[in-house]
Amino acid sequence: MVVDGKVGVRQFIEFLARLIDHAGTKIFLIVDGHPAHKAKAVQRYVESEENRLRLFFLPADSPELNPDERVWNDLKNNRLGRTVIEDKPSLQSAIIGFMRSIQKDASLGRFGLLDK
């Protein structure tokens, strides 16, 4: 899912709904302290989907526990940081390509970039 602009409550709920629609089993999702993750509307949505979705929150100020931080760091500093991106479609394509390469790279192990 690609969002043009900031990610807020509405976008996060849309993401969760899409995630649920594509899952064949209950989802246990670990999230950080982003305000959209803790919003009352999100809490209500998660409660309405309690049999299909559960959120777990990382402790505050713990980026070392968040694998997303390592992925975005690698993307920005090692993969795309020196690449000329001329427009949004090119940026989207480059990011999706990077994410798919991670997904398919067995050498990254169970936790992906955590070991780097």
PDB file of N, CA and C in Angstrom:
ATOM      1  N   MET A   1       0.847  -1.172   0.000  1.00  0.00           N
ATOM      2  CA  MET A   1       0.000   0.000   0.000  1.00  0.00           C
ATOM      3  C   MET A   1       0.890   1.231   0.000  1.00  0.00           C
ATOM      4  N   VAL A   2       0.676   2.110  -0.930  1.00  0.00           N
ATOM      5  CA  VAL A   2       1.434   3.347  -1.037  1.00  0.00           C
ATOM      6  C   VAL A   2       0.502   4.511  -0.719  1.00  0.00           C
ATOM      7  N   VAL A   3       0.972   5.398   0.154  1.00  0.00           N
ATOM      8  CA  VAL A   3       0.175   6.543   0.573  1.00  0.00           C
ATOM      9  C   VAL A   3       0.855   7.811   0.100  1.00  0.00           C
ATOM     10  N   ASP A   4       0.090   8.673  -0.521  1.00  0.00           N
ATOM     11  CA  ASP A   4       0.598   9.970  -0.944  1.00  0.00           C
ATOM     12  C   ASP A   4       0.318  10.956   0.184  1.00  0.00           C
ATOM     13  N   GLY A   5       1.346  11.377   0.886  1.00  0.00           N
ATOM     14  CA  GLY A   5       1.165  12.274   2.024  1.00  0.00           C
ATOM     15  C   GLY A   5       1.414  11.538   3.328  1.00  0.00           C
ATOM     16  N   LYS A   6       0.890  12.098   4.407  1.00  0.00           N
ATOM     17  CA  LYS A   6       1.103  11.533   5.738  1.00  0.00           C
ATOM     18  C   LYS A   6       0.210  10.328   5.979  1.00  0.00           C
ATOM     19  N   VAL A   7       0.708   9.432   6.821  1.00  0.00           N
ATOM     20  CA  VAL A   7      -0.078   8.282   7.235  1.00  0.00           C
ATOM     21  C   VAL A   7      -0.768   8.644   8.540  1.00  0.00           C
ATOM     22  N   GLY A   8      -2.087   8.569   8.515  1.00  0.00           N
ATOM     23  CA  GLY A   8      -2.877   8.875   9.702  1.00  0.00           C
ATOM     24  C   GLY A   8      -3.784   7.713  10.048  1.00  0.00           C
ATOM     25  N   VAL A   9      -4.744   7.988  10.879  1.00  0.00           N
ATOM     26  CA  VAL A   9      -5.662   6.967  11.369  1.00  0.00           C
ATOM     27  C   VAL A   9      -6.401   6.292  10.216  1.00  0.00           C
ATOM     28  N   ARG A  10      -6.950   7.082   9.312  1.00  0.00           N
ATOM     29  CA  ARG A  10      -7.729   6.521   8.201  1.00  0.00           C
ATOM     30  C   ARG A  10      -6.885   5.572   7.357  1.00  0.00           C
ATOM     31  N   GLN A  11      -5.663   5.975   7.038  1.00  0.00           N
ATOM     32  CA  GLN A  11      -4.785   5.139   6.226  1.00  0.00           C
ATOM     33  C   GLN A  11      -4.386   3.871   6.974  1.00  0.00           C
ATOM     34  N   PHE A  12      -4.155   3.993   8.287  1.00  0.00           N
ATOM     35  CA  PHE A  12      -3.767   2.817   9.058  1.00  0.00           C
ATOM     36  C   PHE A  12      -4.916   1.809   9.129  1.00  0.00           C
ATOM     37  N   ILE A  13      -6.132   2.298   9.330  1.00  0.00           N
ATOM     38  CA  ILE A  13      -7.288   1.395   9.347  1.00  0.00           C
ATOM     39  C   ILE A  13      -7.467   0.740   7.984  1.00  0.00           C
ATOM     40  N   GLU A  14      -7.275   1.495   6.922  1.00  0.00           N
ATOM     41  CA  GLU A  14      -7.362   0.909   5.575  1.00  0.00           C
ATOM     42  C   GLU A  14      -6.300  -0.181   5.394  1.00  0.00           C
ATOM     43  N   PHE A  15      -5.087   0.084   5.880  1.00  0.00           N
ATOM     44  CA  PHE A  15      -4.019  -0.916   5.825  1.00  0.00           C
ATOM     45  C   PHE A  15      -4.421  -2.180   6.583  1.00  0.00           C
ATOM     46  N   LEU A  16      -4.950  -2.009   7.790  1.00  0.00           N
ATOM     47  CA  LEU A  16      -5.365  -3.160   8.592  1.00  0.00           C
ATOM     48  C   LEU A  16      -6.459  -3.962   7.886  1.00  0.00           C
ATOM     49  N   ALA A  17      -7.424  -3.267   7.307  1.00  0.00           N
ATOM     50  CA  ALA A  17      -8.514  -3.945   6.597  1.00  0.00           C
ATOM     51  C   ALA A  17      -7.979  -4.749   5.422  1.00  0.00           C
ATOM     52  N   ARG A  18      -7.046  -4.173   4.685  1.00  0.00           N
ATOM     53  CA  ARG A  18      -6.452  -4.888   3.546  1.00  0.00           C
ATOM     54  C   ARG A  18      -5.649  -6.090   4.029  1.00  0.00           C
ATOM     55  N   LEU A  19      -4.950  -5.920   5.134  1.00  0.00           N
ATOM     56  CA  LEU A  19      -4.169  -7.011   5.706  1.00  0.00           C
ATOM     57  C   LEU A  19      -5.082  -8.171   6.100  1.00  0.00           C
ATOM     58  N   ILE A  20      -6.171  -7.857   6.762  1.00  0.00           N
ATOM     59  CA  ILE A  20      -7.137  -8.877   7.183  1.00  0.00           C
ATOM     60  C   ILE A  20      -7.740  -9.581   5.974  1.00  0.00           C
ATOM     61  N   ASP A  21      -8.088  -8.797   4.951  1.00  0.00           N
ATOM     62  CA  ASP A  21      -8.718  -9.379   3.756  1.00  0.00           C
ATOM     63  C   ASP A  21      -7.821 -10.401   3.064  1.00  0.00           C
ATOM     64  N   HIS A  22      -6.494 -10.230   3.177  1.00  0.00           N
ATOM     65  CA  HIS A  22      -5.562 -11.115   2.480  1.00  0.00           C
ATOM     66  C   HIS A  22      -5.009 -12.231   3.362  1.00  0.00           C
ATOM     67  N   ALA A  23      -5.397 -12.233   4.637  1.00  0.00           N
ATOM     68  CA  ALA A  23      -4.876 -13.249   5.562  1.00  0.00           C
ATOM     69  C   ALA A  23      -5.876 -14.392   5.700  1.00  0.00           C
ATOM     70  N   GLY A  24      -5.350 -15.569   5.834  1.00  0.00           N
ATOM     71  CA  GLY A  24      -6.210 -16.724   6.021  1.00  0.00           C
ATOM     72  C   GLY A  24      -6.361 -17.104   7.478  1.00  0.00           C
ATOM     73  N   THR A  25      -5.716 -16.366   8.357  1.00  0.00           N
ATOM     74  CA  THR A  25      -5.725 -16.683   9.776  1.00  0.00           C
ATOM     75  C   THR A  25      -5.659 -15.384  10.582  1.00  0.00           C
ATOM     76  N   LYS A  26      -5.761 -15.486  11.880  1.00  0.00           N
ATOM     77  CA  LYS A  26      -5.692 -14.310  12.740  1.00  0.00           C
ATOM     78  C   LYS A  26      -4.320 -13.658  12.623  1.00  0.00           C
ATOM     79  N   ILE A  27      -4.297 -12.350  12.645  1.00  0.00           N
ATOM     80  CA  ILE A  27      -3.061 -11.578  12.501  1.00  0.00           C
ATOM     81  C   ILE A  27      -2.651 -11.033  13.856  1.00  0.00           C
ATOM     82  N   PHE A  28      -1.395 -11.237  14.199  1.00  0.00           N
ATOM     83  CA  PHE A  28      -0.789 -10.646  15.380  1.00  0.00           C
ATOM     84  C   PHE A  28       0.230  -9.636  14.857  1.00  0.00           C
ATOM     85  N   LEU A  29      -0.066  -8.363  15.017  1.00  0.00           N
ATOM     86  CA  LEU A  29       0.743  -7.297  14.414  1.00  0.00           C
ATOM     87  C   LEU A  29       1.440  -6.488  15.495  1.00  0.00           C
ATOM     88  N   ILE A  30       2.747  -6.343  15.365  1.00  0.00           N
ATOM     89  CA  ILE A  30       3.537  -5.541  16.294  1.00  0.00           C
ATOM     90  C   ILE A  30       3.681  -4.152  15.702  1.00  0.00           C
ATOM     91  N   VAL A  31       3.316  -3.139  16.481  1.00  0.00           N
ATOM     92  CA  VAL A  31       3.368  -1.760  16.012  1.00  0.00           C
ATOM     93  C   VAL A  31       4.142  -0.905  17.006  1.00  0.00           C
ATOM     94  N   ASP A  32       4.584   0.255  16.519  1.00  0.00           N
ATOM     95  CA  ASP A  32       5.295   1.175  17.397  1.00  0.00           C
ATOM     96  C   ASP A  32       4.308   2.191  17.974  1.00  0.00           C
ATOM     97  N   GLY A  33       4.819   3.245  18.540  1.00  0.00           N
ATOM     98  CA  GLY A  33       3.982   4.220  19.224  1.00  0.00           C
ATOM     99  C   GLY A  33       3.454   5.344  18.354  1.00  0.00           C
ATOM    100  N   HIS A  34       3.424   5.162  17.048  1.00  0.00           N
ATOM    101  CA  HIS A  34       2.882   6.191  16.161  1.00  0.00           C
ATOM    102  C   HIS A  34       1.473   6.564  16.626  1.00  0.00           C
ATOM    103  N   PRO A  35       1.139   7.852  16.652  1.00  0.00           N
ATOM    104  CA  PRO A  35      -0.186   8.266  17.120  1.00  0.00           C
ATOM    105  C   PRO A  35      -1.348   7.576  16.392  1.00  0.00           C
ATOM    106  N   ALA A  36      -1.179   7.280  15.113  1.00  0.00           N
ATOM    107  CA  ALA A  36      -2.250   6.593  14.376  1.00  0.00           C
ATOM    108  C   ALA A  36      -2.481   5.188  14.923  1.00  0.00           C
ATOM    109  N   HIS A  37      -1.442   4.559  15.435  1.00  0.00           N
ATOM    110  CA  HIS A  37      -1.583   3.197  15.958  1.00  0.00           C
ATOM    111  C   HIS A  37      -2.379   3.166  17.262  1.00  0.00           C
ATOM    112  N   LYS A  38      -2.344   4.268  18.003  1.00  0.00           N
ATOM    113  CA  LYS A  38      -2.972   4.308  19.322  1.00  0.00           C
ATOM    114  C   LYS A  38      -4.310   5.046  19.335  1.00  0.00           C
ATOM    115  N   ALA A  39      -4.752   5.533  18.209  1.00  0.00           N
ATOM    116  CA  ALA A  39      -5.970   6.336  18.134  1.00  0.00           C
ATOM    117  C   ALA A  39      -7.205   5.534  18.547  1.00  0.00           C
ATOM    118  N   LYS A  40      -8.185   6.225  19.104  1.00  0.00           N
ATOM    119  CA  LYS A  40      -9.418   5.571  19.547  1.00  0.00           C
ATOM    120  C   LYS A  40     -10.143   4.888  18.391  1.00  0.00           C
ATOM    121  N   ALA A  41     -10.131   5.488  17.216  1.00  0.00           N
ATOM    122  CA  ALA A  41     -10.794   4.870  16.053  1.00  0.00           C
ATOM    123  C   ALA A  41     -10.122   3.545  15.703  1.00  0.00           C
ATOM    124  N   VAL A  42      -8.796   3.489  15.830  1.00  0.00           N
ATOM    125  CA  VAL A  42      -8.070   2.243  15.567  1.00  0.00           C
ATOM    126  C   VAL A  42      -8.420   1.217  16.635  1.00  0.00           C
ATOM    127  N   GLN A  43      -8.471   1.640  17.890  1.00  0.00           N
ATOM    128  CA  GLN A  43      -8.843   0.719  18.971  1.00  0.00           C
ATOM    129  C   GLN A  43     -10.228   0.125  18.716  1.00  0.00           C
ATOM    130  N   ARG A  44     -11.175   0.973  18.307  1.00  0.00           N
ATOM    131  CA  ARG A  44     -12.529   0.480  18.015  1.00  0.00           C
ATOM    132  C   ARG A  44     -12.508  -0.508  16.852  1.00  0.00           C
ATOM    133  N   TYR A  45     -11.733  -0.189  15.814  1.00  0.00           N
ATOM    134  CA  TYR A  45     -11.656  -1.093  14.664  1.00  0.00           C
ATOM    135  C   TYR A  45     -11.063  -2.439  15.080  1.00  0.00           C
ATOM    136  N   VAL A  46      -9.978  -2.417  15.830  1.00  0.00           N
ATOM    137  CA  VAL A  46      -9.329  -3.660  16.275  1.00  0.00           C
ATOM    138  C   VAL A  46     -10.292  -4.470  17.139  1.00  0.00           C
ATOM    139  N   GLU A  47     -11.035  -3.801  18.021  1.00  0.00           N
ATOM    140  CA  GLU A  47     -12.023  -4.502  18.847  1.00  0.00           C
ATOM    141  C   GLU A  47     -13.106  -5.149  17.989  1.00  0.00           C
ATOM    142  N   SER A  48     -13.493  -4.476  16.903  1.00  0.00           N
ATOM    143  CA  SER A  48     -14.526  -5.036  16.024  1.00  0.00           C
ATOM    144  C   SER A  48     -14.018  -6.240  15.240  1.00  0.00           C
ATOM    145  N   GLU A  49     -12.707  -6.373  15.144  1.00  0.00           N
ATOM    146  CA  GLU A  49     -12.081  -7.477  14.417  1.00  0.00           C
ATOM    147  C   GLU A  49     -11.300  -8.385  15.357  1.00  0.00           C
ATOM    148  N   GLU A  50     -11.730  -8.463  16.619  1.00  0.00           N
ATOM    149  CA  GLU A  50     -10.946  -9.163  17.638  1.00  0.00           C
ATOM    150  C   GLU A  50     -10.642 -10.616  17.309  1.00  0.00           C
ATOM    151  N   ASN A  51     -11.471 -11.258  16.518  1.00  0.00           N
ATOM    152  CA  ASN A  51     -11.214 -12.651  16.149  1.00  0.00           C
ATOM    153  C   ASN A  51     -10.248 -12.782  14.985  1.00  0.00           C
ATOM    154  N   ARG A  52      -9.911 -11.643  14.355  1.00  0.00           N
ATOM    155  CA  ARG A  52      -9.055 -11.695  13.169  1.00  0.00           C
ATOM    156  C   ARG A  52      -7.772 -10.879  13.310  1.00  0.00           C
ATOM    157  N   LEU A  53      -7.704 -10.014  14.351  1.00  0.00           N
ATOM    158  CA  LEU A  53      -6.580  -9.090  14.460  1.00  0.00           C
ATOM    159  C   LEU A  53      -6.298  -8.760  15.917  1.00  0.00           C
ATOM    160  N   ARG A  54      -5.004  -8.715  16.245  1.00  0.00           N
ATOM    161  CA  ARG A  54      -4.575  -8.253  17.567  1.00  0.00           C
ATOM    162  C   ARG A  54      -3.308  -7.446  17.402  1.00  0.00           C
ATOM    163  N   LEU A  55      -3.257  -6.292  18.058  1.00  0.00           N
ATOM    164  CA  LEU A  55      -2.077  -5.431  18.006  1.00  0.00           C
ATOM    165  C   LEU A  55      -1.264  -5.588  19.284  1.00  0.00           C
ATOM    166  N   PHE A  56       0.057  -5.568  19.121  1.00  0.00           N
ATOM    167  CA  PHE A  56       0.990  -5.560  20.237  1.00  0.00           C
ATOM    168  C   PHE A  56       1.878  -4.335  20.052  1.00  0.00           C
ATOM    169  N   PHE A  57       2.106  -3.585  21.123  1.00  0.00           N
ATOM    170  CA  PHE A  57       2.854  -2.337  21.036  1.00  0.00           C
ATOM    171  C   PHE A  57       4.278  -2.501  21.561  1.00  0.00           C
ATOM    172  N   LEU A  58       5.226  -1.992  20.787  1.00  0.00           N
ATOM    173  CA  LEU A  58       6.617  -1.953  21.231  1.00  0.00           C
ATOM    174  C   LEU A  58       6.744  -0.943  22.356  1.00  0.00           C
ATOM    175  N   PRO A  59       7.708  -1.117  23.242  1.00  0.00           N
ATOM    176  CA  PRO A  59       7.942  -0.103  24.278  1.00  0.00           C
ATOM    177  C   PRO A  59       8.353   1.217  23.635  1.00  0.00           C
ATOM    178  N   ALA A  60       8.054   2.303  24.316  1.00  0.00           N
ATOM    179  CA  ALA A  60       8.423   3.638  23.819  1.00  0.00           C
ATOM    180  C   ALA A  60       9.949   3.739  23.667  1.00  0.00           C
ATOM    181  N   ASP A  61      10.366   4.522  22.689  1.00  0.00           N
ATOM    182  CA  ASP A  61      11.788   4.794  22.445  1.00  0.00           C
ATOM    183  C   ASP A  61      12.619   3.516  22.342  1.00  0.00           C
ATOM    184  N   SER A  62      12.190   2.595  21.491  1.00  0.00           N
ATOM    185  CA  SER A  62      12.926   1.337  21.319  1.00  0.00           C
ATOM    186  C   SER A  62      13.089   0.989  19.836  1.00  0.00           C
ATOM    187  N   PRO A  63      13.722   1.884  19.058  1.00  0.00           N
ATOM    188  CA  PRO A  63      13.867   1.595  17.634  1.00  0.00           C
ATOM    189  C   PRO A  63      14.684   0.332  17.366  1.00  0.00           C
ATOM    190  N   GLU A  64      15.528  -0.060  18.312  1.00  0.00           N
ATOM    191  CA  GLU A  64      16.329  -1.266  18.117  1.00  0.00           C
ATOM    192  C   GLU A  64      15.471  -2.534  18.110  1.00  0.00           C
ATOM    193  N   LEU A  65      14.251  -2.449  18.631  1.00  0.00           N
ATOM    194  CA  LEU A  65      13.337  -3.584  18.626  1.00  0.00           C
ATOM    195  C   LEU A  65      12.426  -3.606  17.399  1.00  0.00           C
ATOM    196  N   ASN A  66      12.487  -2.546  16.612  1.00  0.00           N
ATOM    197  CA  ASN A  66      11.578  -2.404  15.478  1.00  0.00           C
ATOM    198  C   ASN A  66      12.305  -2.728  14.175  1.00  0.00           C
ATOM    199  N   PRO A  67      12.058  -3.898  13.594  1.00  0.00           N
ATOM    200  CA  PRO A  67      12.755  -4.257  12.351  1.00  0.00           C
ATOM    201  C   PRO A  67      12.451  -3.304  11.197  1.00  0.00           C
ATOM    202  N   ASP A  68      11.298  -2.641  11.239  1.00  0.00           N
ATOM    203  CA  ASP A  68      10.984  -1.662  10.190  1.00  0.00           C
ATOM    204  C   ASP A  68      12.037  -0.560  10.130  1.00  0.00           C
ATOM    205  N   GLU A  69      12.537  -0.155  11.289  1.00  0.00           N
ATOM    206  CA  GLU A  69      13.550   0.908  11.328  1.00  0.00           C
ATOM    207  C   GLU A  69      14.807   0.482  10.576  1.00  0.00           C
ATOM    208  N   ARG A  70      15.183  -0.758  10.707  1.00  0.00           N
ATOM    209  CA  ARG A  70      16.376  -1.250  10.003  1.00  0.00           C
ATOM    210  C   ARG A  70      16.136  -1.348   8.506  1.00  0.00           C
ATOM    211  N   VAL A  71      14.940  -1.771   8.136  1.00  0.00           N
ATOM    212  CA  VAL A  71      14.615  -1.867   6.707  1.00  0.00           C
ATOM    213  C   VAL A  71      14.676  -0.476   6.072  1.00  0.00           C
ATOM    214  N   TRP A  72      13.996   0.506   6.690  1.00  0.00           N
ATOM    215  CA  TRP A  72      13.992   1.858   6.114  1.00  0.00           C
ATOM    216  C   TRP A  72      15.394   2.462   6.124  1.00  0.00           C
ATOM    217  N   ASN A  73      16.182   2.187   7.160  1.00  0.00           N
ATOM    218  CA  ASN A  73      17.554   2.678   7.198  1.00  0.00           C
ATOM    219  C   ASN A  73      18.359   2.110   6.028  1.00  0.00           C
ATOM    220  N   ASP A  74      18.233   0.802   5.793  1.00  0.00           N
ATOM    221  CA  ASP A  74      18.950   0.171   4.679  1.00  0.00           C
ATOM    222  C   ASP A  74      18.478   0.744   3.343  1.00  0.00           C
ATOM    223  N   LEU A  75      17.177   0.905   3.209  1.00  0.00           N
ATOM    224  CA  LEU A  75      16.618   1.470   1.978  1.00  0.00           C
ATOM    225  C   LEU A  75      17.180   2.859   1.710  1.00  0.00           C
ATOM    226  N   LYS A  76      17.122   3.728   2.724  1.00  0.00           N
ATOM    227  CA  LYS A  76      17.537   5.125   2.540  1.00  0.00           C
ATOM    228  C   LYS A  76      19.043   5.285   2.392  1.00  0.00           C
ATOM    229  N   ASN A  77      19.807   4.549   3.207  1.00  0.00           N
ATOM    230  CA  ASN A  77      21.245   4.785   3.241  1.00  0.00           C
ATOM    231  C   ASN A  77      22.072   3.896   2.325  1.00  0.00           C
ATOM    232  N   ASN A  78      21.594   2.692   2.036  1.00  0.00           N
ATOM    233  CA  ASN A  78      22.413   1.762   1.268  1.00  0.00           C
ATOM    234  C   ASN A  78      21.876   1.458  -0.122  1.00  0.00           C
ATOM    235  N   ARG A  79      20.584   1.605  -0.328  1.00  0.00           N
ATOM    236  CA  ARG A  79      20.000   1.199  -1.602  1.00  0.00           C
ATOM    237  C   ARG A  79      19.595   2.370  -2.485  1.00  0.00           C
ATOM    238  N   LEU A  80      18.799   3.283  -1.951  1.00  0.00           N
ATOM    239  CA  LEU A  80      18.267   4.369  -2.782  1.00  0.00           C
ATOM    240  C   LEU A  80      18.894   5.726  -2.501  1.00  0.00           C
ATOM    241  N   GLY A  81      19.653   5.835  -1.458  1.00  0.00           N
ATOM    242  CA  GLY A  81      20.203   7.121  -1.045  1.00  0.00           C
ATOM    243  C   GLY A  81      21.007   7.838  -2.104  1.00  0.00           C
ATOM    244  N   ARG A  82      21.666   7.098  -2.972  1.00  0.00           N
ATOM    245  CA  ARG A  82      22.501   7.715  -4.014  1.00  0.00           C
ATOM    246  C   ARG A  82      21.894   7.560  -5.405  1.00  0.00           C
ATOM    247  N   THR A  83      20.629   7.150  -5.440  1.00  0.00           N
ATOM    248  CA  THR A  83      19.952   6.942  -6.713  1.00  0.00           C
ATOM    249  C   THR A  83      19.173   8.196  -7.088  1.00  0.00           C
ATOM    250  N   VAL A  84      19.224   8.558  -8.345  1.00  0.00           N
ATOM    251  CA  VAL A  84      18.437   9.693  -8.815  1.00  0.00           C
ATOM    252  C   VAL A  84      17.013   9.213  -9.079  1.00  0.00           C
ATOM    253  N   ILE A  85      16.079   9.797  -8.355  1.00  0.00           N
ATOM    254  CA  ILE A  85      14.663   9.485  -8.515  1.00  0.00           C
ATOM    255  C   ILE A  85      14.002  10.743  -9.075  1.00  0.00           C
ATOM    256  N   GLU A  86      13.381  10.604 -10.234  1.00  0.00           N
ATOM    257  CA  GLU A  86      12.857  11.789 -10.913  1.00  0.00           C
ATOM    258  C   GLU A  86      11.375  12.048 -10.671  1.00  0.00           C
ATOM    259  N   ASP A  87      10.611  11.036 -10.262  1.00  0.00           N
ATOM    260  CA  ASP A  87       9.187  11.249 -10.052  1.00  0.00           C
ATOM    261  C   ASP A  87       8.642  10.207  -9.077  1.00  0.00           C
ATOM    262  N   LYS A  88       7.393  10.401  -8.639  1.00  0.00           N
ATOM    263  CA  LYS A  88       6.785   9.491  -7.667  1.00  0.00           C
ATOM    264  C   LYS A  88       6.665   8.063  -8.184  1.00  0.00           C
ATOM    265  N   PRO A  89       6.253   7.847  -9.437  1.00  0.00           N
ATOM    266  CA  PRO A  89       6.186   6.459  -9.913  1.00  0.00           C
ATOM    267  C   PRO A  89       7.542   5.752  -9.870  1.00  0.00           C
ATOM    268  N   SER A  90       8.612   6.471 -10.162  1.00  0.00           N
ATOM    269  CA  SER A  90       9.953   5.873 -10.097  1.00  0.00           C
ATOM    270  C   SER A  90      10.321   5.533  -8.657  1.00  0.00           C
ATOM    271  N   LEU A  91       9.967   6.419  -7.730  1.00  0.00           N
ATOM    272  CA  LEU A  91      10.234   6.170  -6.320  1.00  0.00           C
ATOM    273  C   LEU A  91       9.449   4.947  -5.845  1.00  0.00           C
ATOM    274  N   GLN A  92       8.179   4.897  -6.192  1.00  0.00           N
ATOM    275  CA  GLN A  92       7.343   3.766  -5.805  1.00  0.00           C
ATOM    276  C   GLN A  92       7.893   2.465  -6.369  1.00  0.00           C
ATOM    277  N   SER A  93       8.280   2.472  -7.608  1.00  0.00           N
ATOM    278  CA  SER A  93       8.826   1.282  -8.245  1.00  0.00           C
ATOM    279  C   SER A  93      10.115   0.828  -7.563  1.00  0.00           C
ATOM    280  N   ALA A  94      10.977   1.779  -7.239  1.00  0.00           N
ATOM    281  CA  ALA A  94      12.248   1.448  -6.593  1.00  0.00           C
ATOM    282  C   ALA A  94      12.015   0.863  -5.199  1.00  0.00           C
ATOM    283  N   ILE A  95      11.093   1.433  -4.468  1.00  0.00           N
ATOM    284  CA  ILE A  95      10.813   0.939  -3.113  1.00  0.00           C
ATOM    285  C   ILE A  95      10.205  -0.455  -3.176  1.00  0.00           C
ATOM    286  N   ILE A  96       9.242  -0.654  -4.053  1.00  0.00           N
ATOM    287  CA  ILE A  96       8.614  -1.970  -4.180  1.00  0.00           C
ATOM    288  C   ILE A  96       9.641  -3.012  -4.607  1.00  0.00           C
ATOM    289  N   GLY A  97      10.516  -2.647  -5.535  1.00  0.00           N
ATOM    290  CA  GLY A  97      11.577  -3.566  -5.953  1.00  0.00           C
ATOM    291  C   GLY A  97      12.485  -3.942  -4.801  1.00  0.00           C
ATOM    292  N   PHE A  98      12.857  -2.960  -3.989  1.00  0.00           N
ATOM    293  CA  PHE A  98      13.699  -3.213  -2.824  1.00  0.00           C
ATOM    294  C   PHE A  98      12.999  -4.147  -1.835  1.00  0.00           C
ATOM    295  N   MET A  99      11.722  -3.865  -1.547  1.00  0.00           N
ATOM    296  CA  MET A  99      10.981  -4.680  -0.590  1.00  0.00           C
ATOM    297  C   MET A  99      10.830  -6.117  -1.099  1.00  0.00           C
ATOM    298  N   ARG A 100      10.593  -6.277  -2.383  1.00  0.00           N
ATOM    299  CA  ARG A 100      10.483  -7.629  -2.942  1.00  0.00           C
ATOM    300  C   ARG A 100      11.820  -8.357  -2.890  1.00  0.00           C
ATOM    301  N   SER A 101      12.917  -7.630  -3.077  1.00  0.00           N
ATOM    302  CA  SER A 101      14.230  -8.284  -3.010  1.00  0.00           C
ATOM    303  C   SER A 101      14.503  -8.787  -1.599  1.00  0.00           C
ATOM    304  N   ILE A 102      14.079  -8.042  -0.598  1.00  0.00           N
ATOM    305  CA  ILE A 102      14.222  -8.483   0.792  1.00  0.00           C
ATOM    306  C   ILE A 102      13.368  -9.726   1.027  1.00  0.00           C
ATOM    307  N   GLN A 103      12.150  -9.659   0.538  1.00  0.00           N
ATOM    308  CA  GLN A 103      11.197 -10.753   0.725  1.00  0.00           C
ATOM    309  C   GLN A 103      11.720 -12.064   0.144  1.00  0.00           C
ATOM    310  N   LYS A 104      12.438 -11.981  -0.968  1.00  0.00           N
ATOM    311  CA  LYS A 104      12.900 -13.184  -1.664  1.00  0.00           C
ATOM    312  C   LYS A 104      14.304 -13.621  -1.266  1.00  0.00           C
ATOM    313  N   ASP A 105      15.010 -12.828  -0.475  1.00  0.00           N
ATOM    314  CA  ASP A 105      16.400 -13.108  -0.140  1.00  0.00           C
ATOM    315  C   ASP A 105      16.495 -14.006   1.090  1.00  0.00           C
ATOM    316  N   ALA A 106      16.675 -15.297   0.877  1.00  0.00           N
ATOM    317  CA  ALA A 106      16.740 -16.266   1.977  1.00  0.00           C
ATOM    318  C   ALA A 106      17.941 -16.011   2.894  1.00  0.00           C
ATOM    319  N   SER A 107      18.982 -15.369   2.391  1.00  0.00           N
ATOM    320  CA  SER A 107      20.173 -15.134   3.209  1.00  0.00           C
ATOM    321  C   SER A 107      19.912 -14.144   4.339  1.00  0.00           C
ATOM    322  N   LEU A 108      18.818 -13.404   4.252  1.00  0.00           N
ATOM    323  CA  LEU A 108      18.514 -12.438   5.306  1.00  0.00           C
ATOM    324  C   LEU A 108      17.968 -13.117   6.552  1.00  0.00           C
ATOM    325  N   GLY A 109      17.587 -14.351   6.444  1.00  0.00           N
ATOM    326  CA  GLY A 109      17.131 -15.107   7.598  1.00  0.00           C
ATOM    327  C   GLY A 109      15.737 -14.734   8.040  1.00  0.00           C
ATOM    328  N   ARG A 110      15.339 -15.330   9.122  1.00  0.00           N
ATOM    329  CA  ARG A 110      13.990 -15.171   9.632  1.00  0.00           C
ATOM    330  C   ARG A 110      13.645 -13.720   9.959  1.00  0.00           C
ATOM    331  N   PHE A 111      14.607 -12.959  10.443  1.00  0.00           N
ATOM    332  CA  PHE A 111      14.332 -11.601  10.859  1.00  0.00           C
ATOM    333  C   PHE A 111      14.897 -10.559   9.917  1.00  0.00           C
ATOM    334  N   GLY A 112      15.201 -10.956   8.707  1.00  0.00           N
ATOM    335  CA  GLY A 112      15.627  -9.986   7.688  1.00  0.00           C
ATOM    336  C   GLY A 112      16.877  -9.244   8.064  1.00  0.00           C
ATOM    337  N   LEU A 113      16.770  -7.948   8.130  1.00  0.00           N
ATOM    338  CA  LEU A 113      17.930  -7.087   8.305  1.00  0.00           C
ATOM    339  C   LEU A 113      18.366  -6.914   9.748  1.00  0.00           C
ATOM    340  N   LEU A 114      17.754  -7.616  10.684  1.00  0.00           N
ATOM    341  CA  LEU A 114      18.098  -7.433  12.090  1.00  0.00           C
ATOM    342  C   LEU A 114      19.544  -7.777  12.411  1.00  0.00           C
ATOM    343  N   ASP A 115      20.120  -8.690  11.656  1.00  0.00           N
ATOM    344  CA  ASP A 115      21.473  -9.134  11.973  1.00  0.00           C
ATOM    345  C   ASP A 115      22.561  -8.224  11.433  1.00  0.00           C
ATOM    346  N   LYS A 116      22.197  -7.250  10.635  1.00  0.00           N
ATOM    347  CA  LYS A 116      23.217  -6.379  10.041  1.00  0.00           C
ATOM    348  C   LYS A 116      23.700  -5.341  11.014  1.00  0.00           C
TER     349      LYS A 116
END
